[in-house]
C-alpha atoms as a PDB file:
ATOM      1  CA  MET A   1       4.747   0.048  -2.413  1.00  0.00           C
ATOM      2  CA  THR A   2       2.783  -3.387  -1.875  1.00  0.00           C
ATOM      3  CA  ALA A   3       1.099  -3.741  -5.459  1.00  0.00           C
ATOM      4  CA  VAL A   4       0.980  -2.255  -8.577  1.00  0.00           C
ATOM      5  CA  LYS A   5      -2.172  -2.476 -10.838  1.00  0.00           C
ATOM      6  CA  VAL A   6      -1.811  -1.398 -14.537  1.00  0.00           C
ATOM      7  CA  SER A   7      -5.038  -0.999 -17.108  1.00  0.00           C
ATOM      8  CA  PRO A   8      -4.843  -2.947 -20.023  1.00  0.00           C
ATOM      9  CA  ASP A   9      -4.031  -0.072 -22.275  1.00  0.00           C
ATOM     10  CA  LEU A  10      -1.065   0.968 -20.015  1.00  0.00           C
ATOM     11  CA  ARG A  11      -2.680   4.132 -19.789  1.00  0.00           C
ATOM     12  CA  HIS A  12      -3.560   3.991 -15.718  1.00  0.00           C
ATOM     13  CA  GLY A  13      -1.928   2.465 -13.200  1.00  0.00           C
ATOM     14  CA  ARG A  14      -2.809   2.404  -9.374  1.00  0.00           C
ATOM     15  CA  VAL A  15       0.073   2.126  -6.563  1.00  0.00           C
ATOM     16  CA  PHE A  16      -0.812   0.857  -3.383  1.00  0.00           C
ATOM     17  CA  VAL A  17       1.331   1.550  -0.494  1.00  0.00           C
ATOM     18  CA  THR A  18       1.483   0.870   3.243  1.00  0.00           C
ATOM     19  CA  VAL A  19       2.418   3.632   5.721  1.00  0.00           C
ATOM     20  CA  LEU A  20       3.321   2.811   9.255  1.00  0.00           C
ATOM     21  CA  GLY A  21       1.960   5.211  11.249  1.00  0.00           C
ATOM     22  CA  ASP A  22      -1.419   7.119  12.303  1.00  0.00           C
ATOM     23  CA  LEU A  23      -3.789   8.312  10.140  1.00  0.00           C
ATOM     24  CA  ALA A  24      -2.511  11.610   9.879  1.00  0.00           C
ATOM     25  CA  GLN A  25       1.211  10.074   8.658  1.00  0.00           C
ATOM     26  CA  ARG A  26      -1.455   8.236   6.205  1.00  0.00           C
ATOM     27  CA  LYS A  27      -2.245  11.025   4.968  1.00  0.00           C
ATOM     28  CA  LYS A  28       0.585  12.907   4.324  1.00  0.00           C
ATOM     29  CA  ALA A  29       2.274  10.120   2.606  1.00  0.00           C
ATOM     30  CA  LEU A  30      -0.642   9.818   0.276  1.00  0.00           C
ATOM     31  CA  GLU A  31      -0.476  14.011  -0.534  1.00  0.00           C
ATOM     32  CA  GLY A  32       3.111  13.677  -0.943  1.00  0.00           C
ATOM     33  CA  LEU A  33       2.903  10.839  -3.367  1.00  0.00           C
ATOM     34  CA  ARG A  34       0.356  12.466  -5.130  1.00  0.00           C
ATOM     35  CA  SER A  35       1.930  15.749  -5.601  1.00  0.00           C
ATOM     36  CA  ALA A  36       4.819  13.633  -7.040  1.00  0.00           C
ATOM     37  CA  ALA A  37       3.127  11.515  -9.216  1.00  0.00           C
ATOM     38  CA  THR A  38       4.278  13.808 -12.392  1.00  0.00           C
ATOM     39  CA  PHE A  39       7.565  13.567 -11.453  1.00  0.00           C
ATOM     40  CA  ILE A  40       8.140  10.118 -10.752  1.00  0.00           C
ATOM     41  CA  ARG A  41       5.955   9.216 -14.071  1.00  0.00           C
ATOM     42  CA  ARG A  42       8.539  11.496 -15.512  1.00  0.00           C
ATOM     43  CA  SER A  43      11.261   9.607 -14.160  1.00  0.00           C
ATOM     44  CA  LEU A  44       9.900   6.275 -15.052  1.00  0.00           C
ATOM     45  CA  SER A  45       9.699   7.453 -18.335  1.00  0.00           C
ATOM     46  CA  LYS A  46      13.349   8.041 -18.564  1.00  0.00           C
ATOM     47  CA  ARG A  47      14.206   4.423 -17.315  1.00  0.00           C
ATOM     48  CA  LEU A  48      11.864   2.551 -19.205  1.00  0.00           C
ATOM     49  CA  HIS A  49      12.777   3.541 -22.723  1.00  0.00           C
ATOM     50  CA  HIS A  50      11.191   0.214 -24.234  1.00  0.00           C
ATOM     51  CA  MET A  51       7.427   1.092 -22.985  1.00  0.00           C
ATOM     52  CA  LYS A  52       4.993   3.159 -25.763  1.00  0.00           C
ATOM     53  CA  ARG A  53       3.566   4.678 -22.947  1.00  0.00           C
ATOM     54  CA  ILE A  54       3.676   5.781 -19.020  1.00  0.00           C
ATOM     55  CA  PRO A  55       0.682   5.053 -17.253  1.00  0.00           C
ATOM     56  CA  GLU A  56      -1.099   8.381 -15.108  1.00  0.00           C
ATOM     57  CA  LEU A  57      -0.534   7.132 -11.239  1.00  0.00           C
ATOM     58  CA  SER A  58      -2.709   7.276  -8.640  1.00  0.00           C
ATOM     59  CA  PHE A  59      -1.760   6.326  -5.416  1.00  0.00           C
ATOM     60  CA  ASP A  60      -4.183   4.637  -2.728  1.00  0.00           C
ATOM     61  CA  TYR A  61      -3.504   3.132   0.744  1.00  0.00           C
ATOM     62  CA  ASP A  62      -3.364  -0.514   0.974  1.00  0.00           C
ATOM     63  CA  GLU A  63      -4.871  -1.792   4.101  1.00  0.00           C
ATOM     64  CA  THR A  64      -3.902  -5.606   3.750  1.00  0.00           C
ATOM     65  CA  VAL A  65      -0.814  -5.042   6.007  1.00  0.00           C
ATOM     66  CA  GLU A  66      -2.869  -3.368   8.851  1.00  0.00           C
ATOM     67  CA  LYS A  67      -5.267  -6.141   8.223  1.00  0.00           C
ATOM     68  CA  GLY A  68      -2.845  -8.690   8.836  1.00  0.00           C
ATOM     69  CA  ILE A  69      -1.194  -7.311  11.981  1.00  0.00           C
ATOM     70  CA  ARG A  70      -5.000  -6.840  13.060  1.00  0.00           C
ATOM     71  CA  ILE A  71      -5.892 -10.756  12.867  1.00  0.00           C
ATOM     72  CA  GLU A  72      -2.328 -11.720  13.732  1.00  0.00           C
ATOM     73  CA  GLU A  73      -3.427  -9.614  17.368  1.00  0.00           C
ATOM     74  CA  LEU A  74      -6.740 -11.378  17.542  1.00  0.00           C
ATOM     75  CA  LEU A  75      -4.614 -14.949  16.961  1.00  0.00           C
ATOM     76  CA  ASP A  76      -2.670 -14.245  20.099  1.00  0.00           C
ATOM     77  CA  GLN A  77      -5.311 -12.795  22.168  1.00  0.00           C
ATOM     78  CA  ILE A  78      -7.604 -15.893  21.238  1.00  0.00           C
ATOM     79  CA  LYS A  79      -4.602 -18.116  22.064  1.00  0.00           C
ATOM     80  CA  HIS A  80      -3.720 -16.530  25.808  1.00  0.00           C
ATOM     81  CA  GLU A  81      -7.386 -16.893  26.655  1.00  0.00           C
ATOM     82  CA  GLY A  82      -7.335 -20.721  25.737  1.00  0.00           C
ATOM     83  CA  ASN A  83      -4.307 -20.762  28.149  1.00  0.00           C
ATOM     84  CA  SER A  84      -5.705 -18.860  30.762  1.00  0.00           C
ATOM     85  CA  GLY A  85      -8.632 -21.177  30.582  1.00  0.00           C
ATOM     86  CA  SER A  86      -6.920 -24.365  30.912  1.00  0.00           C
ATOM     87  CA  ASP A  87      -5.995 -23.804  34.437  1.00  0.00           C
ATOM     88  CA  VAL A  88      -9.190 -23.973  35.899  1.00  0.00           C
END
């Protein structure tokens, strides 16, 4: 889980997750989380006694980590291209 956004009325919660792996693994993980949403919500209600209501949960893939990795790769590529160009 990378982030959770809860609506102001606490009725809905969007849970953002990152899954390391390929597209098929991401889809499988999200399907698993979505199918377990009721169980997770019930578990939360047992632990969060002080809350009036427990939000309905939805799960979404967070591309932030993936984008960060890509930016890091591009910066490394630029760095290596800059180093090889200085030898000329």
